[in-house]
Amino acid sequence: MVDSTINPLNNYTTSNIGNTADTSNTTTNTKNDASSIDEEGFLKLFIEGLKNQDPMSPMSNSEMMGQLTQLTEIQNTMNMKEILKDLASSIQSQNPVGQFLDLIGKTVKVQNDNNESTEGQVLSVGKDGENVVFELMNGDSYNVNQIIGVTEA
């Protein structure tokens, strides 16, 4: 037995599959999150609302302005999100040490130049010329490219 229903208001698709020999049911829900609506989706909803409004009781000017304000806020939020992503990417590319700061306090396993492995807790992270290096509690320093494992201390 297969039941399939579609709720156009929430864009749900639900399928129930039952087996008479087995009493288990399987339900699959697919939904577009309301918080993920983009500018284009909002504009389409807004226009459909205008097309389908009751001519005897149309939307008031203040309601329309409120919805247009929401559209502007969505657009500004999307622009701000892109600007912040670009800024974070720029900062990270200019400061490669920042990528490895979370190693401080963790135990790392490194392979030295003699192909021997050793472990230690990271004390600090810094730069040596173009290389990002870290210092272990025992005073030894290694290039981050020599890390072969990381665990919580």
N, C-alpha and C. Protein backbone atom coordinates (compact mmCIF):
# COMPACT_ATOMS: atom_id res chain seq x y z
N MET A 1 0.84 -1.17 0.00
CA MET A 1 0.00 0.00 0.00
C MET A 1 0.88 1.23 0.00
N VAL A 2 0.61 2.17 -0.89
CA VAL A 2 1.39 3.40 -0.97
C VAL A 2 0.43 4.58 -0.94
N ASP A 3 0.59 5.48 0.04
CA ASP A 3 -0.18 6.72 0.12
C ASP A 3 0.77 7.85 -0.19
N SER A 4 0.37 8.74 -1.05
CA SER A 4 1.21 9.88 -1.35
C SER A 4 0.34 11.12 -1.34
N THR A 5 0.73 12.11 -0.53
CA THR A 5 -0.01 13.36 -0.47
C THR A 5 0.93 14.52 -0.67
N ILE A 6 0.40 15.58 -1.25
CA ILE A 6 1.19 16.79 -1.45
C ILE A 6 0.42 17.94 -0.83
N ASN A 7 1.06 18.67 0.03
CA ASN A 7 0.48 19.86 0.64
C ASN A 7 1.11 21.06 -0.04
N PRO A 8 0.40 21.76 -0.94
CA PRO A 8 1.01 22.86 -1.71
C PRO A 8 1.43 24.04 -0.85
N LEU A 9 0.83 24.21 0.34
CA LEU A 9 1.19 25.35 1.17
C LEU A 9 2.59 25.20 1.75
N ASN A 10 2.98 23.99 2.10
CA ASN A 10 4.29 23.78 2.73
C ASN A 10 5.27 23.05 1.84
N ASN A 11 4.86 22.74 0.63
CA ASN A 11 5.72 22.04 -0.31
C ASN A 11 6.20 20.71 0.28
N TYR A 12 5.28 20.01 0.96
CA TYR A 12 5.58 18.71 1.55
C TYR A 12 5.27 17.61 0.55
N THR A 13 6.06 16.59 0.54
CA THR A 13 5.73 15.37 -0.16
C THR A 13 5.87 14.26 0.87
N THR A 14 4.80 13.54 1.12
CA THR A 14 4.82 12.49 2.13
C THR A 14 4.45 11.18 1.47
N SER A 15 5.24 10.17 1.70
CA SER A 15 4.95 8.84 1.18
C SER A 15 4.93 7.87 2.35
N ASN A 16 3.85 7.10 2.48
CA ASN A 16 3.76 6.06 3.49
C ASN A 16 3.77 4.72 2.78
N ILE A 17 4.69 3.87 3.14
CA ILE A 17 4.81 2.56 2.52
C ILE A 17 4.63 1.53 3.63
N GLY A 18 3.61 0.72 3.52
CA GLY A 18 3.36 -0.29 4.54
C GLY A 18 3.43 -1.68 3.95
N ASN A 19 3.80 -2.65 4.76
CA ASN A 19 3.89 -4.03 4.35
C ASN A 19 3.00 -4.82 5.30
N THR A 20 2.09 -5.66 4.76
CA THR A 20 1.18 -6.39 5.63
C THR A 20 1.91 -7.40 6.49
N ALA A 21 3.04 -7.92 6.04
CA ALA A 21 3.81 -8.86 6.84
C ALA A 21 4.60 -8.15 7.92
N ASP A 22 4.91 -6.89 7.68
CA ASP A 22 5.70 -6.10 8.62
C ASP A 22 4.84 -4.91 9.03
N THR A 23 4.80 -4.58 10.30
CA THR A 23 3.95 -3.49 10.77
C THR A 23 4.64 -2.15 10.74
N SER A 24 5.81 -2.06 10.13
CA SER A 24 6.54 -0.79 10.12
C SER A 24 6.05 0.09 8.98
N ASN A 25 6.05 1.39 9.21
CA ASN A 25 5.71 2.39 8.21
C ASN A 25 6.93 3.24 7.96
N THR A 26 7.10 3.69 6.74
CA THR A 26 8.20 4.58 6.40
C THR A 26 7.60 5.88 5.89
N THR A 27 8.02 6.98 6.46
CA THR A 27 7.53 8.29 6.05
C THR A 27 8.70 9.12 5.60
N THR A 28 8.57 9.74 4.43
CA THR A 28 9.63 10.61 3.91
C THR A 28 9.05 12.00 3.74
N ASN A 29 9.68 12.97 4.36
CA ASN A 29 9.24 14.36 4.25
C ASN A 29 10.30 15.17 3.55
N THR A 30 9.88 15.95 2.58
CA THR A 30 10.77 16.90 1.93
C THR A 30 10.12 18.26 2.06
N LYS A 31 10.83 19.19 2.64
CA LYS A 31 10.26 20.51 2.87
C LYS A 31 11.32 21.55 2.60
N ASN A 32 10.92 22.63 1.95
CA ASN A 32 11.80 23.78 1.81
C ASN A 32 11.65 24.61 3.06
N ASP A 33 12.73 24.82 3.78
CA ASP A 33 12.72 25.59 5.02
C ASP A 33 12.27 27.01 4.73
N ALA A 34 11.30 27.50 5.50
CA ALA A 34 10.76 28.84 5.28
C ALA A 34 11.83 29.90 5.48
N SER A 35 12.81 29.62 6.33
CA SER A 35 13.86 30.61 6.57
C SER A 35 14.86 30.68 5.42
N SER A 36 14.77 29.73 4.48
CA SER A 36 15.74 29.73 3.39
C SER A 36 15.18 30.38 2.12
N ILE A 37 14.06 31.06 2.22
CA ILE A 37 13.49 31.73 1.05
C ILE A 37 14.43 32.85 0.61
N ASP A 38 14.65 32.93 -0.67
CA ASP A 38 15.54 33.96 -1.18
C ASP A 38 14.72 35.13 -1.73
N GLU A 39 15.43 36.09 -2.24
CA GLU A 39 14.80 37.31 -2.76
C GLU A 39 13.81 36.98 -3.88
N GLU A 40 14.22 36.11 -4.79
CA GLU A 40 13.36 35.77 -5.92
C GLU A 40 12.09 35.05 -5.46
N GLY A 41 12.25 34.13 -4.51
CA GLY A 41 11.10 33.42 -3.98
C GLY A 41 10.13 34.34 -3.27
N PHE A 42 10.68 35.28 -2.50
CA PHE A 42 9.83 36.25 -1.80
C PHE A 42 9.07 37.11 -2.80
N LEU A 43 9.77 37.55 -3.85
CA LEU A 43 9.13 38.40 -4.86
C LEU A 43 8.01 37.64 -5.57
N LYS A 44 8.22 36.37 -5.88
CA LYS A 44 7.17 35.57 -6.52
C LYS A 44 5.95 35.45 -5.61
N LEU A 45 6.20 35.17 -4.32
CA LEU A 45 5.09 35.08 -3.38
C LEU A 45 4.35 36.41 -3.26
N PHE A 46 5.10 37.49 -3.23
CA PHE A 46 4.52 38.82 -3.12
C PHE A 46 3.62 39.13 -4.32
N ILE A 47 4.12 38.84 -5.52
CA ILE A 47 3.35 39.10 -6.75
C ILE A 47 2.11 38.22 -6.80
N GLU A 48 2.24 36.94 -6.42
CA GLU A 48 1.07 36.05 -6.40
C GLU A 48 0.04 36.56 -5.40
N GLY A 49 0.51 37.07 -4.27
CA GLY A 49 -0.40 37.64 -3.28
C GLY A 49 -1.15 38.83 -3.84
N LEU A 50 -0.45 39.66 -4.61
CA LEU A 50 -1.11 40.82 -5.23
C LEU A 50 -2.13 40.37 -6.28
N LYS A 51 -1.77 39.36 -7.09
CA LYS A 51 -2.67 38.87 -8.13
C LYS A 51 -3.94 38.26 -7.53
N ASN A 52 -3.79 37.57 -6.42
CA ASN A 52 -4.90 36.80 -5.86
C ASN A 52 -5.60 37.48 -4.69
N GLN A 53 -5.31 38.74 -4.46
CA GLN A 53 -5.97 39.40 -3.33
C GLN A 53 -7.43 39.69 -3.66
N ASP A 54 -8.22 39.80 -2.63
CA ASP A 54 -9.65 40.07 -2.77
C ASP A 54 -9.84 41.52 -3.21
N PRO A 55 -10.47 41.75 -4.37
CA PRO A 55 -10.64 43.13 -4.85
C PRO A 55 -11.54 43.96 -3.93
N MET A 56 -12.39 43.31 -3.14
CA MET A 56 -13.26 44.03 -2.22
C MET A 56 -12.52 44.42 -0.94
N SER A 57 -11.40 43.76 -0.69
CA SER A 57 -10.62 44.06 0.51
C SER A 57 -9.14 43.96 0.16
N PRO A 58 -8.63 44.91 -0.64
CA PRO A 58 -7.22 44.82 -1.07
C PRO A 58 -6.25 45.09 0.09
N MET A 59 -5.00 44.73 -0.16
CA MET A 59 -3.95 44.95 0.82
C MET A 59 -3.79 46.46 1.05
N SER A 60 -3.62 46.82 2.31
CA SER A 60 -3.44 48.24 2.62
C SER A 60 -2.04 48.69 2.21
N ASN A 61 -1.88 49.99 2.06
CA ASN A 61 -0.57 50.54 1.71
C ASN A 61 0.48 50.19 2.75
N SER A 62 0.10 50.21 4.03
CA SER A 62 1.08 49.90 5.08
C SER A 62 1.50 48.43 5.02
N GLU A 63 0.56 47.52 4.71
CA GLU A 63 0.92 46.11 4.56
C GLU A 63 1.87 45.92 3.38
N MET A 64 1.58 46.59 2.27
CA MET A 64 2.44 46.49 1.09
C MET A 64 3.83 47.03 1.39
N MET A 65 3.90 48.16 2.06
CA MET A 65 5.20 48.74 2.41
C MET A 65 5.96 47.82 3.36
N GLY A 66 5.23 47.19 4.27
CA GLY A 66 5.87 46.24 5.18
C GLY A 66 6.50 45.08 4.44
N GLN A 67 5.79 44.55 3.45
CA GLN A 67 6.33 43.44 2.67
C GLN A 67 7.50 43.89 1.80
N LEU A 68 7.41 45.08 1.23
CA LEU A 68 8.54 45.60 0.44
C LEU A 68 9.76 45.84 1.34
N THR A 69 9.52 46.27 2.57
CA THR A 69 10.61 46.45 3.52
C THR A 69 11.27 45.11 3.83
N GLN A 70 10.46 44.07 4.00
CA GLN A 70 11.01 42.73 4.23
C GLN A 70 11.87 42.29 3.05
N LEU A 71 11.41 42.57 1.84
CA LEU A 71 12.18 42.22 0.65
C LEU A 71 13.53 42.92 0.66
N THR A 72 13.53 44.20 1.00
CA THR A 72 14.77 44.97 1.07
C THR A 72 15.69 44.41 2.15
N GLU A 73 15.12 44.03 3.30
CA GLU A 73 15.92 43.46 4.38
C GLU A 73 16.56 42.14 3.96
N ILE A 74 15.80 41.32 3.24
CA ILE A 74 16.34 40.05 2.75
C ILE A 74 17.51 40.32 1.81
N GLN A 75 17.32 41.26 0.89
CA GLN A 75 18.38 41.59 -0.06
C GLN A 75 19.62 42.11 0.67
N ASN A 76 19.44 42.99 1.63
CA ASN A 76 20.57 43.52 2.38
C ASN A 76 21.27 42.44 3.20
N THR A 77 20.50 41.54 3.77
CA THR A 77 21.09 40.43 4.53
C THR A 77 21.91 39.53 3.63
N MET A 78 21.39 39.23 2.45
CA MET A 78 22.13 38.39 1.50
C MET A 78 23.43 39.08 1.08
N ASN A 79 23.37 40.38 0.81
CA ASN A 79 24.57 41.13 0.44
C ASN A 79 25.58 41.13 1.57
N MET A 80 25.12 41.33 2.81
CA MET A 80 26.00 41.35 3.97
C MET A 80 26.66 39.98 4.16
N LYS A 81 25.89 38.92 3.95
CA LYS A 81 26.42 37.57 4.08
C LYS A 81 27.58 37.35 3.10
N GLU A 82 27.40 37.77 1.86
CA GLU A 82 28.45 37.62 0.85
C GLU A 82 29.68 38.45 1.20
N ILE A 83 29.46 39.67 1.68
CA ILE A 83 30.59 40.53 2.06
C ILE A 83 31.37 39.90 3.20
N LEU A 84 30.68 39.36 4.21
CA LEU A 84 31.35 38.73 5.34
C LEU A 84 32.11 37.47 4.92
N LYS A 85 31.53 36.69 4.00
CA LYS A 85 32.24 35.51 3.51
C LYS A 85 33.53 35.91 2.79
N ASP A 86 33.44 36.95 1.96
CA ASP A 86 34.63 37.43 1.25
C ASP A 86 35.68 37.96 2.23
N LEU A 87 35.23 38.68 3.25
CA LEU A 87 36.15 39.23 4.25
C LEU A 87 36.84 38.11 5.03
N ALA A 88 36.08 37.11 5.44
CA ALA A 88 36.67 35.99 6.18
C ALA A 88 37.68 35.25 5.32
N SER A 89 37.35 35.06 4.06
CA SER A 89 38.27 34.38 3.15
C SER A 89 39.54 35.20 2.96
N SER A 90 39.40 36.50 2.83
CA SER A 90 40.55 37.38 2.66
C SER A 90 41.45 37.37 3.89
N ILE A 91 40.84 37.44 5.06
CA ILE A 91 41.62 37.42 6.31
C ILE A 91 42.35 36.09 6.45
N GLN A 92 41.67 35.01 6.14
CA GLN A 92 42.28 33.69 6.28
C GLN A 92 43.45 33.52 5.31
N SER A 93 43.32 34.04 4.10
CA SER A 93 44.41 33.89 3.14
C SER A 93 45.61 34.77 3.50
N GLN A 94 45.35 35.90 4.19
CA GLN A 94 46.44 36.77 4.59
C GLN A 94 47.12 36.29 5.86
N ASN A 95 46.44 35.49 6.67
CA ASN A 95 46.99 35.03 7.93
C ASN A 95 46.85 33.52 8.02
N PRO A 96 47.76 32.78 7.39
CA PRO A 96 47.64 31.32 7.42
C PRO A 96 47.82 30.73 8.81
N VAL A 97 48.44 31.46 9.73
CA VAL A 97 48.62 30.96 11.09
C VAL A 97 47.26 30.77 11.76
N GLY A 98 46.32 31.66 11.45
CA GLY A 98 44.99 31.59 12.05
C GLY A 98 44.29 30.27 11.83
N GLN A 99 44.58 29.60 10.73
CA GLN A 99 43.96 28.31 10.44
C GLN A 99 44.38 27.24 11.43
N PHE A 100 45.53 27.43 12.07
CA PHE A 100 46.09 26.39 12.93
C PHE A 100 46.06 26.73 14.41
N LEU A 101 45.45 27.86 14.77
CA LEU A 101 45.40 28.25 16.18
C LEU A 101 44.64 27.25 17.04
N ASP A 102 43.69 26.54 16.44
CA ASP A 102 42.94 25.57 17.22
C ASP A 102 43.77 24.35 17.62
N LEU A 103 44.99 24.23 17.11
CA LEU A 103 45.89 23.14 17.52
C LEU A 103 46.44 23.35 18.92
N ILE A 104 46.47 24.60 19.38
CA ILE A 104 47.06 24.88 20.70
C ILE A 104 46.30 24.10 21.77
N GLY A 105 47.05 23.35 22.57
CA GLY A 105 46.48 22.54 23.63
C GLY A 105 46.13 21.13 23.20
N LYS A 106 46.15 20.85 21.91
CA LYS A 106 45.84 19.51 21.42
C LYS A 106 47.12 18.69 21.29
N THR A 107 46.96 17.39 21.29
CA THR A 107 48.09 16.49 21.10
C THR A 107 48.19 16.17 19.62
N VAL A 108 49.38 16.38 19.07
CA VAL A 108 49.60 16.09 17.65
C VAL A 108 50.64 15.00 17.51
N LYS A 109 50.49 14.24 16.47
CA LYS A 109 51.49 13.24 16.11
C LYS A 109 52.16 13.75 14.85
N VAL A 110 53.48 13.85 14.87
CA VAL A 110 54.23 14.38 13.73
C VAL A 110 55.26 13.37 13.27
N GLN A 111 55.63 13.51 12.01
CA GLN A 111 56.69 12.69 11.44
C GLN A 111 57.86 13.61 11.17
N ASN A 112 58.99 13.33 11.82
CA ASN A 112 60.15 14.22 11.66
C ASN A 112 60.89 13.91 10.37
N ASP A 113 61.99 14.63 10.15
CA ASP A 113 62.77 14.49 8.92
C ASP A 113 63.39 13.10 8.76
N ASN A 114 63.54 12.36 9.86
CA ASN A 114 64.12 11.01 9.81
C ASN A 114 63.04 9.93 9.69
N ASN A 115 61.83 10.32 9.32
CA ASN A 115 60.67 9.43 9.21
C ASN A 115 60.30 8.76 10.52
N GLU A 116 60.66 9.36 11.63
CA GLU A 116 60.27 8.87 12.94
C GLU A 116 59.07 9.69 13.40
N SER A 117 58.14 9.03 14.07
CA SER A 117 56.98 9.78 14.56
C SER A 117 57.11 10.03 16.05
N THR A 118 56.57 11.17 16.46
CA THR A 118 56.57 11.55 17.87
C THR A 118 55.27 12.29 18.16
N GLU A 119 54.91 12.34 19.44
CA GLU A 119 53.69 13.02 19.86
C GLU A 119 54.02 14.07 20.88
N GLY A 120 53.17 15.07 20.95
CA GLY A 120 53.31 16.09 21.98
C GLY A 120 52.15 17.06 21.94
N GLN A 121 52.03 17.80 23.03
CA GLN A 121 50.97 18.80 23.12
C GLN A 121 51.48 20.12 22.55
N VAL A 122 50.65 20.76 21.72
CA VAL A 122 51.05 22.00 21.05
C VAL A 122 51.00 23.15 22.05
N LEU A 123 52.11 23.88 22.14
CA LEU A 123 52.23 25.03 23.02
C LEU A 123 51.91 26.33 22.29
N SER A 124 52.41 26.45 21.04
CA SER A 124 52.20 27.69 20.29
C SER A 124 52.25 27.42 18.79
N VAL A 125 51.72 28.38 18.03
CA VAL A 125 51.73 28.32 16.56
C VAL A 125 52.26 29.65 16.06
N GLY A 126 53.10 29.61 15.04
CA GLY A 126 53.65 30.85 14.50
C GLY A 126 54.16 30.65 13.08
N LYS A 127 54.89 31.65 12.59
CA LYS A 127 55.45 31.60 11.24
C LYS A 127 56.96 31.62 11.30
N ASP A 128 57.57 30.88 10.41
CA ASP A 128 59.01 30.89 10.23
C ASP A 128 59.23 31.11 8.73
N GLY A 129 59.42 32.36 8.35
CA GLY A 129 59.50 32.69 6.92
C GLY A 129 58.14 32.51 6.30
N GLU A 130 58.05 31.64 5.31
CA GLU A 130 56.78 31.36 4.64
C GLU A 130 56.06 30.16 5.25
N ASN A 131 56.69 29.48 6.19
CA ASN A 131 56.13 28.26 6.77
C ASN A 131 55.39 28.53 8.07
N VAL A 132 54.30 27.81 8.27
CA VAL A 132 53.59 27.85 9.54
C VAL A 132 54.16 26.71 10.38
N VAL A 133 54.62 27.07 11.58
CA VAL A 133 55.25 26.09 12.47
C VAL A 133 54.54 26.11 13.82
N PHE A 134 54.73 25.04 14.57
CA PHE A 134 54.19 24.98 15.92
C PHE A 134 55.25 24.40 16.84
N GLU A 135 55.13 24.77 18.11
CA GLU A 135 56.08 24.30 19.11
C GLU A 135 55.35 23.38 20.08
N LEU A 136 55.99 22.25 20.38
CA LEU A 136 55.43 21.32 21.35
C LEU A 136 55.89 21.70 22.76
N MET A 137 55.26 21.13 23.77
CA MET A 137 55.61 21.41 25.17
C MET A 137 57.07 21.05 25.47
N ASN A 138 57.62 20.07 24.75
CA ASN A 138 59.01 19.66 25.00
C ASN A 138 60.02 20.59 24.34
N GLY A 139 59.55 21.63 23.64
CA GLY A 139 60.44 22.61 23.02
C GLY A 139 60.75 22.35 21.56
N ASP A 140 60.39 21.18 21.04
CA ASP A 140 60.64 20.88 19.63
C ASP A 140 59.65 21.64 18.75
N SER A 141 60.13 22.10 17.59
CA SER A 141 59.29 22.81 16.63
C SER A 141 59.17 22.00 15.35
N TYR A 142 58.01 22.06 14.73
CA TYR A 142 57.74 21.32 13.51
C TYR A 142 56.91 22.18 12.56
N ASN A 143 57.01 21.86 11.28
CA ASN A 143 56.18 22.48 10.25
C ASN A 143 54.81 21.80 10.30
N VAL A 144 53.74 22.55 10.06
CA VAL A 144 52.40 21.96 10.11
C VAL A 144 52.22 20.86 9.07
N ASN A 145 53.03 20.86 8.03
CA ASN A 145 52.95 19.81 7.01
C ASN A 145 53.42 18.46 7.54
N GLN A 146 54.07 18.45 8.70
CA GLN A 146 54.57 17.21 9.28
C GLN A 146 53.55 16.53 10.19
N ILE A 147 52.40 17.15 10.37
CA ILE A 147 51.36 16.56 11.23
C ILE A 147 50.75 15.35 10.54
N ILE A 148 50.68 14.24 11.28
CA ILE A 148 50.04 13.04 10.74
C ILE A 148 48.82 12.63 11.58
N GLY A 149 48.57 13.35 12.68
CA GLY A 149 47.39 13.06 13.50
C GLY A 149 47.19 14.11 14.57
N VAL A 150 45.93 14.34 14.93
CA VAL A 150 45.59 15.30 15.98
C VAL A 150 44.54 14.67 16.88
N THR A 151 44.76 14.78 18.21
CA THR A 151 43.78 14.30 19.18
C THR A 151 43.62 15.35 20.27
N GLU A 152 42.50 15.27 20.99
CA GLU A 152 42.30 16.17 22.12
C GLU A 152 43.30 15.81 23.21
N ALA A 153 43.79 16.81 23.92
CA ALA A 153 44.78 16.57 24.98
C ALA A 153 44.15 15.90 26.16
